[in-house]
């Protein structure tokens, strides 16, 4: 018995730029009621009905981390840890402990709503600052605190990322401003 030859299927090149949103498409994706000379597409911008702003350039620090081969390995391998370390909030949920009942693989099942928790602007007396608290601290002091909890992370990278967030993240300046208002009003 001779098997039929397997012929590869090709959509051709993804090189048709839609005039409305500049998304690239395969010609075969065009709407059936449009022409080859003036193809229209519905999956990207609904024929011009959806207009999104252009994506901003990455901060220079992030671009360097992704471009530099040495830092790329160091940074990318631990990118989730850097992200979690510099987060403003943490996940809160009502845990359902009956999902495993003592045996089986680890499971994370949430009962009810998943939400992000934001602590008070200043930690209570006797508690360490973490998450958004650290954005009101001096960058080096905040980085030192991050490194205490995460000694496996590169402190120079953490400091650069912390400074970038302080400069570019809208909540960082908001936290700093709120802290200044609280500090001045407590006198």
C-alpha atoms as a PDB file:
ATOM      1  CA  UNK A   1       0.000   0.000   0.000  1.00  0.00           C
ATOM      2  CA  UNK A   2       1.417   3.385  -1.024  1.00  0.00           C
ATOM      3  CA  UNK A   3       0.667   6.350   1.209  1.00  0.00           C
ATOM      4  CA  UNK A   4      -0.452   9.595  -0.321  1.00  0.00           C
ATOM      5  CA  UNK A   5       2.292  12.214  -0.198  1.00  0.00           C
ATOM      6  CA  UNK A   6       1.967  14.802   2.536  1.00  0.00           C
ATOM      7  CA  UNK A   7       1.771  18.210   0.948  1.00  0.00           C
ATOM      8  CA  UNK A   8       2.525  21.202   3.158  1.00  0.00           C
ATOM      9  CA  UNK A   9      -0.158  23.861   3.333  1.00  0.00           C
ATOM     10  CA  UNK A  10       0.922  27.464   3.134  1.00  0.00           C
ATOM     11  CA  UNK A  11      -1.003  30.667   3.603  1.00  0.00           C
ATOM     12  CA  UNK A  12       1.785  32.512   1.841  1.00  0.00           C
ATOM     13  CA  UNK A  13       3.524  35.462   3.413  1.00  0.00           C
ATOM     14  CA  UNK A  14       2.035  37.516   6.221  1.00  0.00           C
ATOM     15  CA  UNK A  15       2.846  40.763   4.461  1.00  0.00           C
ATOM     16  CA  UNK A  16      -0.451  42.483   3.719  1.00  0.00           C
ATOM     17  CA  UNK A  17      -0.638  45.614   5.843  1.00  0.00           C
ATOM     18  CA  UNK A  18      -4.146  46.781   6.620  1.00  0.00           C
ATOM     19  CA  UNK A  19      -4.555  50.488   5.887  1.00  0.00           C
ATOM     20  CA  UNK A  20      -6.656  51.206   9.011  1.00  0.00           C
ATOM     21  CA  UNK A  21      -4.468  49.774  11.777  1.00  0.00           C
ATOM     22  CA  UNK A  22      -1.297  48.683   9.961  1.00  0.00           C
ATOM     23  CA  UNK A  23      -1.645  45.097  11.247  1.00  0.00           C
ATOM     24  CA  UNK A  24      -0.026  42.446   9.080  1.00  0.00           C
ATOM     25  CA  UNK A  25      -2.230  39.725   7.614  1.00  0.00           C
ATOM     26  CA  UNK A  26      -2.189  36.834   5.193  1.00  0.00           C
ATOM     27  CA  UNK A  27      -4.061  37.706   1.993  1.00  0.00           C
ATOM     28  CA  UNK A  28      -6.299  34.684   2.602  1.00  0.00           C
ATOM     29  CA  UNK A  29      -7.566  36.364   5.805  1.00  0.00           C
ATOM     30  CA  UNK A  30      -9.241  39.185   3.901  1.00  0.00           C
ATOM     31  CA  UNK A  31     -12.995  39.517   4.145  1.00  0.00           C
ATOM     32  CA  UNK A  32     -14.733  37.713   1.320  1.00  0.00           C
ATOM     33  CA  UNK A  33     -16.505  40.886   0.148  1.00  0.00           C
ATOM     34  CA  UNK A  34     -13.208  42.797  -0.289  1.00  0.00           C
ATOM     35  CA  UNK A  35     -10.863  42.788  -3.247  1.00  0.00           C
ATOM     36  CA  UNK A  36      -7.222  41.774  -3.596  1.00  0.00           C
ATOM     37  CA  UNK A  37      -6.378  45.365  -4.615  1.00  0.00           C
ATOM     38  CA  UNK A  38      -8.111  46.804  -1.522  1.00  0.00           C
ATOM     39  CA  UNK A  39      -8.295  44.019   1.091  1.00  0.00           C
ATOM     40  CA  UNK A  40     -10.318  44.558   4.261  1.00  0.00           C
ATOM     41  CA  UNK A  41      -9.907  42.603   7.469  1.00  0.00           C
ATOM     42  CA  UNK A  42     -12.262  42.203  10.409  1.00  0.00           C
ATOM     43  CA  UNK A  43     -10.222  40.504  13.113  1.00  0.00           C
ATOM     44  CA  UNK A  44      -7.783  43.302  13.969  1.00  0.00           C
ATOM     45  CA  UNK A  45      -9.654  46.600  14.187  1.00  0.00           C
ATOM     46  CA  UNK A  46     -13.165  45.778  12.941  1.00  0.00           C
ATOM     47  CA  UNK A  47     -12.537  47.648   9.693  1.00  0.00           C
ATOM     48  CA  UNK A  48     -11.329  50.792  11.422  1.00  0.00           C
ATOM     49  CA  UNK A  49     -13.939  50.858  14.207  1.00  0.00           C
ATOM     50  CA  UNK A  50     -11.340  50.149  16.925  1.00  0.00           C
ATOM     51  CA  UNK A  51      -8.500  52.639  17.176  1.00  0.00           C
ATOM     52  CA  UNK A  52      -5.824  51.897  19.776  1.00  0.00           C
ATOM     53  CA  UNK A  53      -2.973  54.223  20.708  1.00  0.00           C
ATOM     54  CA  UNK A  54       0.496  53.243  19.533  1.00  0.00           C
ATOM     55  CA  UNK A  55       2.479  51.131  21.966  1.00  0.00           C
ATOM     56  CA  UNK A  56       4.977  53.247  23.852  1.00  0.00           C
ATOM     57  CA  UNK A  57       8.659  52.432  23.650  1.00  0.00           C
ATOM     58  CA  UNK A  58      10.045  50.369  26.500  1.00  0.00           C
ATOM     59  CA  UNK A  59      11.962  52.180  29.189  1.00  0.00           C
ATOM     60  CA  UNK A  60      15.659  52.250  28.300  1.00  0.00           C
ATOM     61  CA  UNK A  61      16.583  50.079  31.318  1.00  0.00           C
ATOM     62  CA  UNK A  62      14.270  47.255  30.237  1.00  0.00           C
ATOM     63  CA  UNK A  63      15.452  47.419  26.639  1.00  0.00           C
ATOM     64  CA  UNK A  64      19.060  47.112  27.800  1.00  0.00           C
ATOM     65  CA  UNK A  65      18.235  44.133  30.023  1.00  0.00           C
ATOM     66  CA  UNK A  66      16.627  42.319  27.119  1.00  0.00           C
ATOM     67  CA  UNK A  67      19.349  43.293  24.615  1.00  0.00           C
ATOM     68  CA  UNK A  68      22.458  42.575  26.706  1.00  0.00           C
ATOM     69  CA  UNK A  69      23.319  38.853  26.355  1.00  0.00           C
ATOM     70  CA  UNK A  70      24.780  38.561  29.886  1.00  0.00           C
ATOM     71  CA  UNK A  71      22.035  40.471  31.705  1.00  0.00           C
ATOM     72  CA  UNK A  72      19.471  38.841  29.445  1.00  0.00           C
ATOM     73  CA  UNK A  73      20.252  35.411  30.915  1.00  0.00           C
ATOM     74  CA  UNK A  74      20.451  36.715  34.465  1.00  0.00           C
ATOM     75  CA  UNK A  75      17.354  38.874  34.181  1.00  0.00           C
ATOM     76  CA  UNK A  76      15.098  36.743  32.015  1.00  0.00           C
ATOM     77  CA  UNK A  77      15.688  33.597  34.046  1.00  0.00           C
ATOM     78  CA  UNK A  78      14.380  35.405  37.149  1.00  0.00           C
ATOM     79  CA  UNK A  79      11.975  37.851  35.522  1.00  0.00           C
ATOM     80  CA  UNK A  80       8.971  36.630  37.538  1.00  0.00           C
ATOM     81  CA  UNK A  81      10.891  37.134  40.787  1.00  0.00           C
ATOM     82  CA  UNK A  82      11.844  40.677  39.777  1.00  0.00           C
ATOM     83  CA  UNK A  83       8.217  41.362  38.850  1.00  0.00           C
ATOM     84  CA  UNK A  84       6.871  39.983  42.142  1.00  0.00           C
ATOM     85  CA  UNK A  85       9.510  41.815  44.172  1.00  0.00           C
ATOM     86  CA  UNK A  86       8.631  45.187  42.652  1.00  0.00           C
ATOM     87  CA  UNK A  87       4.847  44.705  42.615  1.00  0.00           C
ATOM     88  CA  UNK A  88       2.576  47.318  44.161  1.00  0.00           C
ATOM     89  CA  UNK A  89      -0.036  44.795  45.278  1.00  0.00           C
ATOM     90  CA  UNK A  90      -0.380  41.129  46.141  1.00  0.00           C
ATOM     91  CA  UNK A  91      -3.058  38.568  45.385  1.00  0.00           C
ATOM     92  CA  UNK A  92      -5.827  38.036  47.888  1.00  0.00           C
ATOM     93  CA  UNK A  93      -8.427  35.317  47.739  1.00  0.00           C
ATOM     94  CA  UNK A  94     -10.454  32.979  49.913  1.00  0.00           C
ATOM     95  CA  UNK A  95      -8.547  29.706  49.679  1.00  0.00           C
ATOM     96  CA  UNK A  96     -10.435  26.444  49.252  1.00  0.00           C
ATOM     97  CA  UNK A  97      -8.412  23.887  51.224  1.00  0.00           C
ATOM     98  CA  UNK A  98     -10.799  21.018  50.436  1.00  0.00           C
ATOM     99  CA  UNK A  99      -9.544  20.734  46.851  1.00  0.00           C
ATOM    100  CA  UNK A 100      -6.801  18.205  47.653  1.00  0.00           C
ATOM    101  CA  UNK A 101      -7.933  16.634  50.930  1.00  0.00           C
ATOM    102  CA  UNK A 102      -4.434  15.597  51.979  1.00  0.00           C
ATOM    103  CA  UNK A 103      -3.143  13.876  48.854  1.00  0.00           C
ATOM    104  CA  UNK A 104      -2.430  14.561  45.214  1.00  0.00           C
ATOM    105  CA  UNK A 105      -0.556  17.291  43.395  1.00  0.00           C
ATOM    106  CA  UNK A 106      -0.456  20.821  44.720  1.00  0.00           C
ATOM    107  CA  UNK A 107      -3.533  22.765  43.748  1.00  0.00           C
ATOM    108  CA  UNK A 108      -4.523  26.416  44.001  1.00  0.00           C
ATOM    109  CA  UNK A 109      -8.286  26.739  43.926  1.00  0.00           C
ATOM    110  CA  UNK A 110      -9.988  30.016  44.656  1.00  0.00           C
ATOM    111  CA  UNK A 111     -13.468  30.237  46.073  1.00  0.00           C
ATOM    112  CA  UNK A 112     -15.189  33.506  45.267  1.00  0.00           C
ATOM    113  CA  UNK A 113     -13.479  36.594  43.918  1.00  0.00           C
ATOM    114  CA  UNK A 114      -9.824  37.136  43.189  1.00  0.00           C
ATOM    115  CA  UNK A 115      -8.584  40.573  44.144  1.00  0.00           C
ATOM    116  CA  UNK A 116      -5.406  42.562  44.640  1.00  0.00           C
ATOM    117  CA  UNK A 117      -4.626  43.781  48.133  1.00  0.00           C
ATOM    118  CA  UNK A 118      -3.079  47.148  48.788  1.00  0.00           C
ATOM    119  CA  UNK A 119      -1.871  47.780  52.287  1.00  0.00           C
ATOM    120  CA  UNK A 120      -1.895  51.106  54.096  1.00  0.00           C
ATOM    121  CA  UNK A 121       0.519  53.673  52.712  1.00  0.00           C
ATOM    122  CA  UNK A 122       2.808  53.262  55.731  1.00  0.00           C
ATOM    123  CA  UNK A 123       3.223  49.886  57.448  1.00  0.00           C
ATOM    124  CA  UNK A 124       1.998  49.623  61.054  1.00  0.00           C
ATOM    125  CA  UNK A 125       4.601  49.986  63.809  1.00  0.00           C
ATOM    126  CA  UNK A 126       6.658  46.834  64.174  1.00  0.00           C
ATOM    127  CA  UNK A 127       5.998  45.616  60.618  1.00  0.00           C
ATOM    128  CA  UNK A 128       8.409  45.651  57.701  1.00  0.00           C
ATOM    129  CA  UNK A 129       7.641  47.694  54.601  1.00  0.00           C
ATOM    130  CA  UNK A 130       6.862  45.719  51.445  1.00  0.00           C
ATOM    131  CA  UNK A 131       5.187  46.098  48.037  1.00  0.00           C
ATOM    132  CA  UNK A 132       3.939  49.664  47.517  1.00  0.00           C
ATOM    133  CA  UNK A 133       5.346  50.804  50.872  1.00  0.00           C
ATOM    134  CA  UNK A 134       8.826  50.727  49.374  1.00  0.00           C
ATOM    135  CA  UNK A 135       8.024  53.346  46.722  1.00  0.00           C
ATOM    136  CA  UNK A 136       8.015  56.076  49.377  1.00  0.00           C
ATOM    137  CA  UNK A 137      11.516  55.113  50.526  1.00  0.00           C
ATOM    138  CA  UNK A 138      14.822  56.280  49.134  1.00  0.00           C
ATOM    139  CA  UNK A 139      15.548  54.040  46.107  1.00  0.00           C
ATOM    140  CA  UNK A 140      18.751  52.576  47.583  1.00  0.00           C
ATOM    141  CA  UNK A 141      17.083  51.841  50.934  1.00  0.00           C
ATOM    142  CA  UNK A 142      14.120  50.234  49.150  1.00  0.00           C
ATOM    143  CA  UNK A 143      16.500  48.133  47.044  1.00  0.00           C
ATOM    144  CA  UNK A 144      18.398  47.039  50.154  1.00  0.00           C
ATOM    145  CA  UNK A 145      15.094  45.882  51.678  1.00  0.00           C
ATOM    146  CA  UNK A 146      14.196  44.035  48.457  1.00  0.00           C
ATOM    147  CA  UNK A 147      17.577  42.285  48.474  1.00  0.00           C
ATOM    148  CA  UNK A 148      17.140  41.239  52.131  1.00  0.00           C
ATOM    149  CA  UNK A 149      14.018  39.308  51.111  1.00  0.00           C
ATOM    150  CA  UNK A 150      15.388  38.233  47.715  1.00  0.00           C
ATOM    151  CA  UNK A 151      19.164  37.691  47.990  1.00  0.00           C
ATOM    152  CA  UNK A 152      19.192  35.716  44.716  1.00  0.00           C
ATOM    153  CA  UNK A 153      18.322  38.871  42.732  1.00  0.00           C
ATOM    154  CA  UNK A 154      20.901  41.308  41.381  1.00  0.00           C
ATOM    155  CA  UNK A 155      20.792  44.500  43.465  1.00  0.00           C
ATOM    156  CA  UNK A 156      21.971  46.720  40.576  1.00  0.00           C
ATOM    157  CA  UNK A 157      19.155  45.426  38.354  1.00  0.00           C
ATOM    158  CA  UNK A 158      16.640  45.889  41.187  1.00  0.00           C
ATOM    159  CA  UNK A 159      17.787  49.470  41.749  1.00  0.00           C
ATOM    160  CA  UNK A 160      17.525  50.280  38.029  1.00  0.00           C
ATOM    161  CA  UNK A 161      14.046  48.734  37.815  1.00  0.00           C
ATOM    162  CA  UNK A 162      12.906  50.452  41.025  1.00  0.00           C
ATOM    163  CA  UNK A 163      14.082  53.848  39.721  1.00  0.00           C
ATOM    164  CA  UNK A 164      12.398  53.213  36.370  1.00  0.00           C
ATOM    165  CA  UNK A 165       9.110  52.410  38.094  1.00  0.00           C
ATOM    166  CA  UNK A 166       9.408  55.507  40.293  1.00  0.00           C
ATOM    167  CA  UNK A 167       9.867  57.625  37.170  1.00  0.00           C
ATOM    168  CA  UNK A 168       7.303  56.003  34.878  1.00  0.00           C
ATOM    169  CA  UNK A 169       4.616  54.190  36.863  1.00  0.00           C
ATOM    170  CA  UNK A 170       1.644  56.459  37.633  1.00  0.00           C
ATOM    171  CA  UNK A 171       1.053  54.968  41.086  1.00  0.00           C
ATOM    172  CA  UNK A 172       4.638  55.453  42.258  1.00  0.00           C
ATOM    173  CA  UNK A 173       4.378  59.240  42.108  1.00  0.00           C
ATOM    174  CA  UNK A 174       0.880  59.063  43.572  1.00  0.00           C
ATOM    175  CA  UNK A 175       2.151  57.082  46.574  1.00  0.00           C
ATOM    176  CA  UNK A 176       5.054  59.468  47.061  1.00  0.00           C
ATOM    177  CA  UNK A 177       2.738  62.480  46.888  1.00  0.00           C
ATOM    178  CA  UNK A 178       0.231  60.922  49.309  1.00  0.00           C
ATOM    179  CA  UNK A 179       3.043  60.139  51.738  1.00  0.00           C
ATOM    180  CA  UNK A 180       4.268  63.751  51.588  1.00  0.00           C
ATOM    181  CA  UNK A 181       0.746  65.035  52.261  1.00  0.00           C
ATOM    182  CA  UNK A 182       0.418  62.656  55.241  1.00  0.00           C
ATOM    183  CA  UNK A 183       3.834  63.672  56.575  1.00  0.00           C
ATOM    184  CA  UNK A 184       3.135  67.414  56.292  1.00  0.00           C
ATOM    185  CA  UNK A 185      -0.385  67.164  57.751  1.00  0.00           C
ATOM    186  CA  UNK A 186       0.824  65.182  60.792  1.00  0.00           C
ATOM    187  CA  UNK A 187       2.908  68.139  62.056  1.00  0.00           C
END
